[in-house]
PDB file of N, CA and C in Angstrom:
ATOM      1  N   MET A   1      -9.792  13.334 -10.402  1.00  0.00           N
ATOM      2  CA  MET A   1     -10.390  12.027 -10.254  1.00  0.00           C
ATOM      3  C   MET A   1     -11.895  12.123 -10.509  1.00  0.00           C
ATOM      4  N   SER A   2     -12.465  10.991 -10.759  1.00  0.00           N
ATOM      5  CA  SER A   2     -13.888  10.976 -11.074  1.00  0.00           C
ATOM      6  C   SER A   2     -14.736  10.872  -9.808  1.00  0.00           C
ATOM      7  N   LYS A   3     -16.006  11.102  -9.982  1.00  0.00           N
ATOM      8  CA  LYS A   3     -16.920  10.996  -8.849  1.00  0.00           C
ATOM      9  C   LYS A   3     -17.006   9.561  -8.351  1.00  0.00           C
ATOM     10  N   LEU A   4     -16.991   8.601  -9.276  1.00  0.00           N
ATOM     11  CA  LEU A   4     -17.059   7.200  -8.862  1.00  0.00           C
ATOM     12  C   LEU A   4     -15.821   6.792  -8.078  1.00  0.00           C
ATOM     13  N   PHE A   5     -14.659   7.265  -8.513  1.00  0.00           N
ATOM     14  CA  PHE A   5     -13.424   6.975  -7.793  1.00  0.00           C
ATOM     15  C   PHE A   5     -13.490   7.538  -6.384  1.00  0.00           C
ATOM     16  N   ASP A   6     -13.927   8.787  -6.266  1.00  0.00           N
ATOM     17  CA  ASP A   6     -14.031   9.417  -4.944  1.00  0.00           C
ATOM     18  C   ASP A   6     -15.034   8.689  -4.055  1.00  0.00           C
ATOM     19  N   ARG A   7     -16.111   8.200  -4.646  1.00  0.00           N
ATOM     20  CA  ARG A   7     -17.105   7.462  -3.879  1.00  0.00           C
ATOM     21  C   ARG A   7     -16.525   6.135  -3.372  1.00  0.00           C
ATOM     22  N   ARG A   8     -15.800   5.425  -4.253  1.00  0.00           N
ATOM     23  CA  ARG A   8     -15.151   4.173  -3.838  1.00  0.00           C
ATOM     24  C   ARG A   8     -14.106   4.439  -2.765  1.00  0.00           C
ATOM     25  N   LYS A   9     -13.362   5.528  -2.925  1.00  0.00           N
ATOM     26  CA  LYS A   9     -12.316   5.867  -1.969  1.00  0.00           C
ATOM     27  C   LYS A   9     -12.897   6.160  -0.589  1.00  0.00           C
ATOM     28  N   SER A  10     -13.963   6.948  -0.534  1.00  0.00           N
ATOM     29  CA  SER A  10     -14.553   7.272   0.766  1.00  0.00           C
ATOM     30  C   SER A  10     -15.188   6.044   1.403  1.00  0.00           C
ATOM     31  N   ARG A  11     -15.795   5.188   0.599  1.00  0.00           N
ATOM     32  CA  ARG A  11     -16.379   3.958   1.129  1.00  0.00           C
ATOM     33  C   ARG A  11     -15.297   3.041   1.695  1.00  0.00           C
ATOM     34  N   THR A  12     -14.174   2.934   1.000  1.00  0.00           N
ATOM     35  CA  THR A  12     -13.062   2.116   1.469  1.00  0.00           C
ATOM     36  C   THR A  12     -12.467   2.695   2.740  1.00  0.00           C
ATOM     37  N   ARG A  13     -12.260   4.033   2.776  1.00  0.00           N
ATOM     38  CA  ARG A  13     -11.712   4.675   3.963  1.00  0.00           C
ATOM     39  C   ARG A  13     -12.600   4.455   5.176  1.00  0.00           C
ATOM     40  N   TYR A  14     -13.917   4.509   4.982  1.00  0.00           N
ATOM     41  CA  TYR A  14     -14.840   4.295   6.082  1.00  0.00           C
ATOM     42  C   TYR A  14     -14.703   2.879   6.624  1.00  0.00           C
ATOM     43  N   ARG A  15     -14.669   1.894   5.748  1.00  0.00           N
ATOM     44  CA  ARG A  15     -14.539   0.504   6.191  1.00  0.00           C
ATOM     45  C   ARG A  15     -13.205   0.239   6.849  1.00  0.00           C
ATOM     46  N   VAL A  16     -12.161   0.865   6.359  1.00  0.00           N
ATOM     47  CA  VAL A  16     -10.842   0.710   6.972  1.00  0.00           C
ATOM     48  C   VAL A  16     -10.853   1.306   8.370  1.00  0.00           C
ATOM     49  N   SER A  17     -11.453   2.483   8.525  1.00  0.00           N
ATOM     50  CA  SER A  17     -11.472   3.119   9.846  1.00  0.00           C
ATOM     51  C   SER A  17     -12.320   2.330  10.837  1.00  0.00           C
ATOM     52  N   GLN A  18     -13.368   1.663  10.362  1.00  0.00           N
ATOM     53  CA  GLN A  18     -14.211   0.864  11.254  1.00  0.00           C
ATOM     54  C   GLN A  18     -13.515  -0.414  11.707  1.00  0.00           C
ATOM     55  N   ASN A  19     -12.656  -0.970  10.860  1.00  0.00           N
ATOM     56  CA  ASN A  19     -12.002  -2.243  11.163  1.00  0.00           C
ATOM     57  C   ASN A  19     -10.564  -2.076  11.614  1.00  0.00           C
ATOM     58  N   ALA A  20     -10.111  -0.863  11.854  1.00  0.00           N
ATOM     59  CA  ALA A  20      -8.709  -0.624  12.172  1.00  0.00           C
ATOM     60  C   ALA A  20      -8.324  -1.219  13.522  1.00  0.00           C
ATOM     61  N   ALA A  21      -9.066  -0.971  14.563  1.00  0.00           N
ATOM     62  CA  ALA A  21      -8.834  -1.521  15.902  1.00  0.00           C
ATOM     63  C   ALA A  21      -7.385  -1.351  16.347  1.00  0.00           C
ATOM     64  N   GLY A  22      -6.867  -0.139  16.236  1.00  0.00           N
ATOM     65  CA  GLY A  22      -5.518   0.136  16.710  1.00  0.00           C
ATOM     66  C   GLY A  22      -4.418  -0.248  15.748  1.00  0.00           C
ATOM     67  N   ARG A  23      -4.756  -0.673  14.565  1.00  0.00           N
ATOM     68  CA  ARG A  23      -3.732  -1.046  13.585  1.00  0.00           C
ATOM     69  C   ARG A  23      -3.350   0.169  12.746  1.00  0.00           C
ATOM     70  N   VAL A  24      -2.189   0.067  12.140  1.00  0.00           N
ATOM     71  CA  VAL A  24      -1.771   1.100  11.198  1.00  0.00           C
ATOM     72  C   VAL A  24      -2.300   0.737   9.819  1.00  0.00           C
ATOM     73  N   ARG A  25      -2.254   1.706   8.917  1.00  0.00           N
ATOM     74  CA  ARG A  25      -2.864   1.545   7.607  1.00  0.00           C
ATOM     75  C   ARG A  25      -1.797   1.442   6.529  1.00  0.00           C
ATOM     76  N   LEU A  26      -1.935   0.453   5.637  1.00  0.00           N
ATOM     77  CA  LEU A  26      -1.077   0.323   4.460  1.00  0.00           C
ATOM     78  C   LEU A  26      -1.829   0.942   3.293  1.00  0.00           C
ATOM     79  N   SER A  27      -1.413   2.145   2.898  1.00  0.00           N
ATOM     80  CA  SER A  27      -2.109   2.910   1.868  1.00  0.00           C
ATOM     81  C   SER A  27      -1.384   2.764   0.539  1.00  0.00           C
ATOM     82  N   VAL A  28      -2.146   2.626  -0.545  1.00  0.00           N
ATOM     83  CA  VAL A  28      -1.595   2.423  -1.880  1.00  0.00           C
ATOM     84  C   VAL A  28      -2.009   3.575  -2.782  1.00  0.00           C
ATOM     85  N   PHE A  29      -1.050   4.084  -3.553  1.00  0.00           N
ATOM     86  CA  PHE A  29      -1.339   5.051  -4.605  1.00  0.00           C
ATOM     87  C   PHE A  29      -0.759   4.512  -5.901  1.00  0.00           C
ATOM     88  N   ARG A  30      -1.556   4.525  -6.934  1.00  0.00           N
ATOM     89  CA  ARG A  30      -1.153   3.967  -8.223  1.00  0.00           C
ATOM     90  C   ARG A  30      -1.266   5.071  -9.272  1.00  0.00           C
ATOM     91  N   SER A  31      -0.154   5.344  -9.938  1.00  0.00           N
ATOM     92  CA  SER A  31      -0.192   6.297 -11.042  1.00  0.00           C
ATOM     93  C   SER A  31       0.012   5.528 -12.340  1.00  0.00           C
ATOM     94  N   GLY A  32       0.125   6.232 -13.426  1.00  0.00           N
ATOM     95  CA  GLY A  32       0.307   5.566 -14.704  1.00  0.00           C
ATOM     96  C   GLY A  32       1.657   4.896 -14.835  1.00  0.00           C
ATOM     97  N   LYS A  33       2.688   5.478 -14.223  1.00  0.00           N
ATOM     98  CA  LYS A  33       4.035   4.938 -14.373  1.00  0.00           C
ATOM     99  C   LYS A  33       4.585   4.276 -13.112  1.00  0.00           C
ATOM    100  N   HIS A  34       4.050   4.594 -11.955  1.00  0.00           N
ATOM    101  CA  HIS A  34       4.633   4.101 -10.701  1.00  0.00           C
ATOM    102  C   HIS A  34       3.537   3.643  -9.747  1.00  0.00           C
ATOM    103  N   ILE A  35       3.976   2.962  -8.688  1.00  0.00           N
ATOM    104  CA  ILE A  35       3.077   2.569  -7.601  1.00  0.00           C
ATOM    105  C   ILE A  35       3.783   2.887  -6.285  1.00  0.00           C
ATOM    106  N   TYR A  36       3.041   3.396  -5.343  1.00  0.00           N
ATOM    107  CA  TYR A  36       3.584   3.845  -4.068  1.00  0.00           C
ATOM    108  C   TYR A  36       2.815   3.180  -2.933  1.00  0.00           C
ATOM    109  N   ALA A  37       3.515   2.894  -1.837  1.00  0.00           N
ATOM    110  CA  ALA A  37       2.877   2.323  -0.651  1.00  0.00           C
ATOM    111  C   ALA A  37       3.419   3.032   0.585  1.00  0.00           C
ATOM    112  N   GLN A  38       2.521   3.314   1.518  1.00  0.00           N
ATOM    113  CA  GLN A  38       2.905   3.953   2.774  1.00  0.00           C
ATOM    114  C   GLN A  38       2.248   3.230   3.931  1.00  0.00           C
ATOM    115  N   ILE A  39       2.964   3.149   5.027  1.00  0.00           N
ATOM    116  CA  ILE A  39       2.377   2.665   6.270  1.00  0.00           C
ATOM    117  C   ILE A  39       2.167   3.892   7.146  1.00  0.00           C
ATOM    118  N   VAL A  40       0.897   4.167   7.445  1.00  0.00           N
ATOM    119  CA  VAL A  40       0.515   5.406   8.118  1.00  0.00           C
ATOM    120  C   VAL A  40      -0.124   5.076   9.460  1.00  0.00           C
ATOM    121  N   ASP A  41       0.316   5.779  10.503  1.00  0.00           N
ATOM    122  CA  ASP A  41      -0.319   5.704  11.813  1.00  0.00           C
ATOM    123  C   ASP A  41      -1.270   6.890  11.912  1.00  0.00           C
ATOM    124  N   ASP A  42      -2.563   6.625  11.811  1.00  0.00           N
ATOM    125  CA  ASP A  42      -3.547   7.696  11.780  1.00  0.00           C
ATOM    126  C   ASP A  42      -3.741   8.363  13.133  1.00  0.00           C
ATOM    127  N   THR A  43      -3.445   7.678  14.218  1.00  0.00           N
ATOM    128  CA  THR A  43      -3.607   8.298  15.532  1.00  0.00           C
ATOM    129  C   THR A  43      -2.581   9.406  15.733  1.00  0.00           C
ATOM    130  N   GLU A  44      -1.362   9.213  15.243  1.00  0.00           N
ATOM    131  CA  GLU A  44      -0.325  10.230  15.370  1.00  0.00           C
ATOM    132  C   GLU A  44      -0.200  11.087  14.119  1.00  0.00           C
ATOM    133  N   GLY A  45      -0.783  10.632  13.021  1.00  0.00           N
ATOM    134  CA  GLY A  45      -0.672  11.366  11.764  1.00  0.00           C
ATOM    135  C   GLY A  45       0.722  11.301  11.187  1.00  0.00           C
ATOM    136  N   ALA A  46       1.384  10.143  11.321  1.00  0.00           N
ATOM    137  CA  ALA A  46       2.772  10.012  10.880  1.00  0.00           C
ATOM    138  C   ALA A  46       2.918   8.842   9.924  1.00  0.00           C
ATOM    139  N   THR A  47       3.811   9.006   8.963  1.00  0.00           N
ATOM    140  CA  THR A  47       4.158   7.927   8.050  1.00  0.00           C
ATOM    141  C   THR A  47       5.315   7.155   8.653  1.00  0.00           C
ATOM    142  N   LEU A  48       5.115   5.859   8.866  1.00  0.00           N
ATOM    143  CA  LEU A  48       6.138   5.032   9.488  1.00  0.00           C
ATOM    144  C   LEU A  48       7.120   4.468   8.474  1.00  0.00           C
ATOM    145  N   ALA A  49       6.628   4.085   7.308  1.00  0.00           N
ATOM    146  CA  ALA A  49       7.492   3.516   6.268  1.00  0.00           C
ATOM    147  C   ALA A  49       6.865   3.793   4.915  1.00  0.00           C
ATOM    148  N   MET A  50       7.703   3.851   3.896  1.00  0.00           N
ATOM    149  CA  MET A  50       7.188   4.028   2.545  1.00  0.00           C
ATOM    150  C   MET A  50       8.113   3.335   1.561  1.00  0.00           C
ATOM    151  N   ALA A  51       7.516   2.954   0.436  1.00  0.00           N
ATOM    152  CA  ALA A  51       8.278   2.339  -0.655  1.00  0.00           C
ATOM    153  C   ALA A  51       7.573   2.692  -1.957  1.00  0.00           C
ATOM    154  N   SER A  52       8.355   2.768  -3.027  1.00  0.00           N
ATOM    155  CA  SER A  52       7.764   3.083  -4.320  1.00  0.00           C
ATOM    156  C   SER A  52       8.616   2.500  -5.438  1.00  0.00           C
ATOM    157  N   SER A  53       8.020   2.439  -6.604  1.00  0.00           N
ATOM    158  CA  SER A  53       8.756   1.989  -7.775  1.00  0.00           C
ATOM    159  C   SER A  53       9.564   3.130  -8.371  1.00  0.00           C
ATOM    160  N   ASN A  54       9.499   4.297  -7.769  1.00  0.00           N
ATOM    161  CA  ASN A  54      10.214   5.474  -8.252  1.00  0.00           C
ATOM    162  C   ASN A  54      11.550   5.663  -7.544  1.00  0.00           C
ATOM    163  N   GLU A  55      11.942   4.744  -6.675  1.00  0.00           N
ATOM    164  CA  GLU A  55      13.228   4.842  -5.989  1.00  0.00           C
ATOM    165  C   GLU A  55      14.348   4.465  -6.945  1.00  0.00           C
ATOM    166  N   LYS A  56      15.556   4.912  -6.667  1.00  0.00           N
ATOM    167  CA  LYS A  56      16.667   4.721  -7.597  1.00  0.00           C
ATOM    168  C   LYS A  56      16.925   3.259  -7.926  1.00  0.00           C
ATOM    169  N   GLU A  57      16.943   2.402  -6.899  1.00  0.00           N
ATOM    170  CA  GLU A  57      17.238   0.989  -7.159  1.00  0.00           C
ATOM    171  C   GLU A  57      16.086   0.270  -7.843  1.00  0.00           C
ATOM    172  N   SER A  58      14.890   0.833  -7.806  1.00  0.00           N
ATOM    173  CA  SER A  58      13.732   0.196  -8.432  1.00  0.00           C
ATOM    174  C   SER A  58      13.572   0.571  -9.895  1.00  0.00           C
ATOM    175  N   ARG A  59      14.236   1.612 -10.329  1.00  0.00           N
ATOM    176  CA  ARG A  59      14.032   2.107 -11.684  1.00  0.00           C
ATOM    177  C   ARG A  59      14.861   1.372 -12.721  1.00  0.00           C
ATOM    178  N   ALA A  60      15.455   0.235 -12.393  1.00  0.00           N
ATOM    179  CA  ALA A  60      16.284  -0.489 -13.358  1.00  0.00           C
ATOM    180  C   ALA A  60      15.437  -1.030 -14.509  1.00  0.00           C
ATOM    181  N   GLY A  61      14.265  -1.569 -14.188  1.00  0.00           N
ATOM    182  CA  GLY A  61      13.396  -2.117 -15.222  1.00  0.00           C
ATOM    183  C   GLY A  61      12.144  -1.271 -15.378  1.00  0.00           C
ATOM    184  N   LYS A  62      11.101  -1.913 -15.852  1.00  0.00           N
ATOM    185  CA  LYS A  62       9.823  -1.217 -15.978  1.00  0.00           C
ATOM    186  C   LYS A  62       9.249  -0.961 -14.592  1.00  0.00           C
ATOM    187  N   THR A  63       8.619   0.177 -14.434  1.00  0.00           N
ATOM    188  CA  THR A  63       8.102   0.552 -13.118  1.00  0.00           C
ATOM    189  C   THR A  63       6.586   0.539 -13.080  1.00  0.00           C
ATOM    190  N   TRP A  64       5.940   0.127 -14.155  1.00  0.00           N
ATOM    191  CA  TRP A  64       4.473   0.210 -14.217  1.00  0.00           C
ATOM    192  C   TRP A  64       3.812  -1.150 -14.358  1.00  0.00           C
ATOM    193  N   ASN A  65       4.544  -2.248 -14.142  1.00  0.00           N
ATOM    194  CA  ASN A  65       3.933  -3.559 -14.319  1.00  0.00           C
ATOM    195  C   ASN A  65       3.763  -4.279 -12.985  1.00  0.00           C
ATOM    196  N   VAL A  66       3.236  -5.494 -13.053  1.00  0.00           N
ATOM    197  CA  VAL A  66       2.925  -6.273 -11.856  1.00  0.00           C
ATOM    198  C   VAL A  66       4.197  -6.651 -11.104  1.00  0.00           C
ATOM    199  N   GLU A  67       5.285  -6.921 -11.823  1.00  0.00           N
ATOM    200  CA  GLU A  67       6.544  -7.285 -11.161  1.00  0.00           C
ATOM    201  C   GLU A  67       7.070  -6.129 -10.309  1.00  0.00           C
ATOM    202  N   ALA A  68       6.957  -4.914 -10.810  1.00  0.00           N
ATOM    203  CA  ALA A  68       7.391  -3.751 -10.039  1.00  0.00           C
ATOM    204  C   ALA A  68       6.519  -3.575  -8.801  1.00  0.00           C
ATOM    205  N   ALA A  69       5.229  -3.819  -8.928  1.00  0.00           N
ATOM    206  CA  ALA A  69       4.330  -3.707  -7.780  1.00  0.00           C
ATOM    207  C   ALA A  69       4.659  -4.767  -6.734  1.00  0.00           C
ATOM    208  N   SER A  70       5.006  -5.968  -7.174  1.00  0.00           N
ATOM    209  CA  SER A  70       5.404  -7.020  -6.236  1.00  0.00           C
ATOM    210  C   SER A  70       6.682  -6.637  -5.492  1.00  0.00           C
ATOM    211  N   ALA A  71       7.615  -6.035  -6.198  1.00  0.00           N
ATOM    212  CA  ALA A  71       8.854  -5.598  -5.561  1.00  0.00           C
ATOM    213  C   ALA A  71       8.579  -4.528  -4.512  1.00  0.00           C
ATOM    214  N   VAL A  72       7.658  -3.626  -4.795  1.00  0.00           N
ATOM    215  CA  VAL A  72       7.293  -2.587  -3.826  1.00  0.00           C
ATOM    216  C   VAL A  72       6.619  -3.219  -2.609  1.00  0.00           C
ATOM    217  N   GLY A  73       5.782  -4.226  -2.825  1.00  0.00           N
ATOM    218  CA  GLY A  73       5.138  -4.921  -1.716  1.00  0.00           C
ATOM    219  C   GLY A  73       6.135  -5.609  -0.798  1.00  0.00           C
ATOM    220  N   LYS A  74       7.131  -6.254  -1.388  1.00  0.00           N
ATOM    221  CA  LYS A  74       8.167  -6.901  -0.577  1.00  0.00           C
ATOM    222  C   LYS A  74       8.986  -5.872   0.190  1.00  0.00           C
ATOM    223  N   LYS A  75       9.281  -4.757  -0.471  1.00  0.00           N
ATOM    224  CA  LYS A  75      10.089  -3.710   0.144  1.00  0.00           C
ATOM    225  C   LYS A  75       9.354  -3.053   1.313  1.00  0.00           C
ATOM    226  N   ILE A  76       8.054  -2.797   1.149  1.00  0.00           N
ATOM    227  CA  ILE A  76       7.300  -2.162   2.236  1.00  0.00           C
ATOM    228  C   ILE A  76       7.161  -3.122   3.415  1.00  0.00           C
ATOM    229  N   ALA A  77       7.054  -4.416   3.139  1.00  0.00           N
ATOM    230  CA  ALA A  77       6.978  -5.401   4.220  1.00  0.00           C
ATOM    231  C   ALA A  77       8.287  -5.444   5.000  1.00  0.00           C
ATOM    232  N   GLN A  78       9.408  -5.409   4.322  1.00  0.00           N
ATOM    233  CA  GLN A  78      10.705  -5.412   5.003  1.00  0.00           C
ATOM    234  C   GLN A  78      10.864  -4.177   5.878  1.00  0.00           C
ATOM    235  N   ARG A  79      10.507  -3.028   5.337  1.00  0.00           N
ATOM    236  CA  ARG A  79      10.669  -1.785   6.091  1.00  0.00           C
ATOM    237  C   ARG A  79       9.701  -1.707   7.271  1.00  0.00           C
ATOM    238  N   ALA A  80       8.508  -2.266   7.110  1.00  0.00           N
ATOM    239  CA  ALA A  80       7.544  -2.259   8.216  1.00  0.00           C
ATOM    240  C   ALA A  80       8.008  -3.189   9.332  1.00  0.00           C
ATOM    241  N   LEU A  81       8.497  -4.361   8.981  1.00  0.00           N
ATOM    242  CA  LEU A  81       8.977  -5.294   9.994  1.00  0.00           C
ATOM    243  C   LEU A  81      10.195  -4.728  10.723  1.00  0.00           C
ATOM    244  N   ALA A  82      11.030  -3.963  10.015  1.00  0.00           N
ATOM    245  CA  ALA A  82      12.177  -3.320  10.656  1.00  0.00           C
ATOM    246  C   ALA A  82      11.724  -2.277  11.684  1.00  0.00           C
ATOM    247  N   LYS A  83      10.576  -1.650  11.452  1.00  0.00           N
ATOM    248  CA  LYS A  83      10.026  -0.671  12.393  1.00  0.00           C
ATOM    249  C   LYS A  83       9.193  -1.325  13.496  1.00  0.00           C
ATOM    250  N   GLY A  84       8.993  -2.635  13.413  1.00  0.00           N
ATOM    251  CA  GLY A  84       8.215  -3.337  14.430  1.00  0.00           C
ATOM    252  C   GLY A  84       6.739  -3.424  14.129  1.00  0.00           C
ATOM    253  N   VAL A  85       6.337  -3.169  12.912  1.00  0.00           N
ATOM    254  CA  VAL A  85       4.927  -3.226  12.515  1.00  0.00           C
ATOM    255  C   VAL A  85       4.688  -4.557  11.828  1.00  0.00           C
ATOM    256  N   LYS A  86       3.728  -5.331  12.338  1.00  0.00           N
ATOM    257  CA  LYS A  86       3.419  -6.615  11.730  1.00  0.00           C
ATOM    258  C   LYS A  86       1.984  -6.682  11.234  1.00  0.00           C
ATOM    259  N   GLN A  87       1.048  -6.040  11.942  1.00  0.00           N
ATOM    260  CA  GLN A  87      -0.362  -6.074  11.564  1.00  0.00           C
ATOM    261  C   GLN A  87      -0.781  -4.726  11.000  1.00  0.00           C
ATOM    262  N   VAL A  88      -1.379  -4.757   9.820  1.00  0.00           N
ATOM    263  CA  VAL A  88      -1.828  -3.540   9.160  1.00  0.00           C
ATOM    264  C   VAL A  88      -3.239  -3.746   8.628  1.00  0.00           C
ATOM    265  N   VAL A  89      -3.863  -2.650   8.245  1.00  0.00           N
ATOM    266  CA  VAL A  89      -5.142  -2.673   7.534  1.00  0.00           C
ATOM    267  C   VAL A  89      -4.847  -2.181   6.128  1.00  0.00           C
ATOM    268  N   PHE A  90      -5.276  -2.929   5.115  1.00  0.00           N
ATOM    269  CA  PHE A  90      -4.977  -2.584   3.730  1.00  0.00           C
ATOM    270  C   PHE A  90      -5.970  -1.560   3.222  1.00  0.00           C
ATOM    271  N   ASP A  91      -5.453  -0.411   2.777  1.00  0.00           N
ATOM    272  CA  ASP A  91      -6.275   0.659   2.227  1.00  0.00           C
ATOM    273  C   ASP A  91      -5.955   0.775   0.744  1.00  0.00           C
ATOM    274  N   ARG A  92      -6.838   0.248  -0.081  1.00  0.00           N
ATOM    275  CA  ARG A  92      -6.608   0.261  -1.530  1.00  0.00           C
ATOM    276  C   ARG A  92      -7.035   1.580  -2.149  1.00  0.00           C
ATOM    277  N   GLY A  93      -7.558   2.484  -1.351  1.00  0.00           N
ATOM    278  CA  GLY A  93      -8.027   3.756  -1.875  1.00  0.00           C
ATOM    279  C   GLY A  93      -9.252   3.529  -2.732  1.00  0.00           C
ATOM    280  N   GLY A  94      -9.316   4.141  -3.868  1.00  0.00           N
ATOM    281  CA  GLY A  94     -10.430   3.944  -4.779  1.00  0.00           C
ATOM    282  C   GLY A  94     -10.126   2.943  -5.872  1.00  0.00           C
ATOM    283  N   TYR A  95      -8.962   2.297  -5.785  1.00  0.00           N
ATOM    284  CA  TYR A  95      -8.539   1.376  -6.829  1.00  0.00           C
ATOM    285  C   TYR A  95      -9.178   0.010  -6.633  1.00  0.00           C
ATOM    286  N   ILE A  96      -9.481  -0.644  -7.724  1.00  0.00           N
ATOM    287  CA  ILE A  96     -10.059  -1.977  -7.679  1.00  0.00           C
ATOM    288  C   ILE A  96      -8.967  -2.971  -7.290  1.00  0.00           C
ATOM    289  N   TYR A  97      -9.305  -3.945  -6.465  1.00  0.00           N
ATOM    290  CA  TYR A  97      -8.337  -4.928  -5.983  1.00  0.00           C
ATOM    291  C   TYR A  97      -8.062  -5.921  -7.119  1.00  0.00           C
ATOM    292  N   HIS A  98      -7.169  -5.518  -8.026  1.00  0.00           N
ATOM    293  CA  HIS A  98      -6.881  -6.298  -9.212  1.00  0.00           C
ATOM    294  C   HIS A  98      -5.554  -5.808  -9.787  1.00  0.00           C
ATOM    295  N   GLY A  99      -4.813  -6.667 -10.431  1.00  0.00           N
ATOM    296  CA  GLY A  99      -3.596  -6.258 -11.123  1.00  0.00           C
ATOM    297  C   GLY A  99      -2.494  -5.825 -10.187  1.00  0.00           C
ATOM    298  N   ARG A 100      -2.024  -4.585 -10.365  1.00  0.00           N
ATOM    299  CA  ARG A 100      -0.883  -4.097  -9.589  1.00  0.00           C
ATOM    300  C   ARG A 100      -1.192  -3.950  -8.107  1.00  0.00           C
ATOM    301  N   VAL A 101      -2.415  -3.548  -7.774  1.00  0.00           N
ATOM    302  CA  VAL A 101      -2.788  -3.390  -6.365  1.00  0.00           C
ATOM    303  C   VAL A 101      -2.806  -4.749  -5.683  1.00  0.00           C
ATOM    304  N   LYS A 102      -3.353  -5.754  -6.342  1.00  0.00           N
ATOM    305  CA  LYS A 102      -3.394  -7.106  -5.788  1.00  0.00           C
ATOM    306  C   LYS A 102      -1.992  -7.686  -5.665  1.00  0.00           C
ATOM    307  N   ALA A 103      -1.130  -7.445  -6.659  1.00  0.00           N
ATOM    308  CA  ALA A 103       0.245  -7.939  -6.614  1.00  0.00           C
ATOM    309  C   ALA A 103       1.005  -7.332  -5.446  1.00  0.00           C
ATOM    310  N   LEU A 104       0.804  -6.045  -5.184  1.00  0.00           N
ATOM    311  CA  LEU A 104       1.449  -5.395  -4.051  1.00  0.00           C
ATOM    312  C   LEU A 104       0.973  -6.005  -2.736  1.00  0.00           C
ATOM    313  N   ALA A 105      -0.323  -6.225  -2.614  1.00  0.00           N
ATOM    314  CA  ALA A 105      -0.875  -6.789  -1.377  1.00  0.00           C
ATOM    315  C   ALA A 105      -0.376  -8.213  -1.146  1.00  0.00           C
ATOM    316  N   ASP A 106      -0.358  -9.026  -2.190  1.00  0.00           N
ATOM    317  CA  ASP A 106       0.111 -10.408  -2.050  1.00  0.00           C
ATOM    318  C   ASP A 106       1.584 -10.460  -1.671  1.00  0.00           C
ATOM    319  N   ALA A 107       2.404  -9.597  -2.268  1.00  0.00           N
ATOM    320  CA  ALA A 107       3.827  -9.564  -1.941  1.00  0.00           C
ATOM    321  C   ALA A 107       4.051  -9.086  -0.511  1.00  0.00           C
ATOM    322  N   ALA A 108       3.242  -8.144  -0.040  1.00  0.00           N
ATOM    323  CA  ALA A 108       3.367  -7.674   1.342  1.00  0.00           C
ATOM    324  C   ALA A 108       2.988  -8.785   2.316  1.00  0.00           C
ATOM    325  N   ARG A 109       1.971  -9.580   1.960  1.00  0.00           N
ATOM    326  CA  ARG A 109       1.606 -10.725   2.810  1.00  0.00           C
ATOM    327  C   ARG A 109       2.735 -11.758   2.848  1.00  0.00           C
ATOM    328  N   GLU A 110       3.319 -12.028   1.689  1.00  0.00           N
ATOM    329  CA  GLU A 110       4.424 -12.981   1.637  1.00  0.00           C
ATOM    330  C   GLU A 110       5.629 -12.460   2.416  1.00  0.00           C
ATOM    331  N   GLY A 111       5.793 -11.140   2.466  1.00  0.00           N
ATOM    332  CA  GLY A 111       6.904 -10.533   3.198  1.00  0.00           C
ATOM    333  C   GLY A 111       6.733 -10.563   4.699  1.00  0.00           C
ATOM    334  N   GLY A 112       5.550 -10.920   5.191  1.00  0.00           N
ATOM    335  CA  GLY A 112       5.366 -11.064   6.624  1.00  0.00           C
ATOM    336  C   GLY A 112       4.320 -10.159   7.240  1.00  0.00           C
ATOM    337  N   LEU A 113       3.691  -9.286   6.466  1.00  0.00           N
ATOM    338  CA  LEU A 113       2.633  -8.445   7.025  1.00  0.00           C
ATOM    339  C   LEU A 113       1.326  -9.219   7.127  1.00  0.00           C
ATOM    340  N   GLU A 114       0.559  -8.919   8.143  1.00  0.00           N
ATOM    341  CA  GLU A 114      -0.741  -9.558   8.341  1.00  0.00           C
ATOM    342  C   GLU A 114      -1.840  -8.523   8.167  1.00  0.00           C
ATOM    343  N   PHE A 115      -2.789  -8.816   7.248  1.00  0.00           N
ATOM    344  CA  PHE A 115      -3.984  -7.982   7.114  1.00  0.00           C
ATOM    345  C   PHE A 115      -5.145  -8.774   6.630  1.00  0.00           C
TER     346      PHE A 115
END
């Protein structure tokens, strides 16, 4: 990764940690072909739920577009609500809040998560 990406990532992580207030973190990783989302409890260091476009049922169509990211957002919201998690802090990492990252966040909000 580049220095600018790492700088954006650390700045985002700092702001997320300052505004967490006991909430769990919805972390996003975006690669060239897939997008991944995890709900992480930083106090325990445990992943509560995860979803990705690389899962078997998600690989039917394209896995690198906005529609796939929206599907991952809906899936992570369903799995988080099943675990009893409703309020999260969105951690976009070093990625700009645009395109696939924004589509994932909007779909997670529509699925019932609050951030």
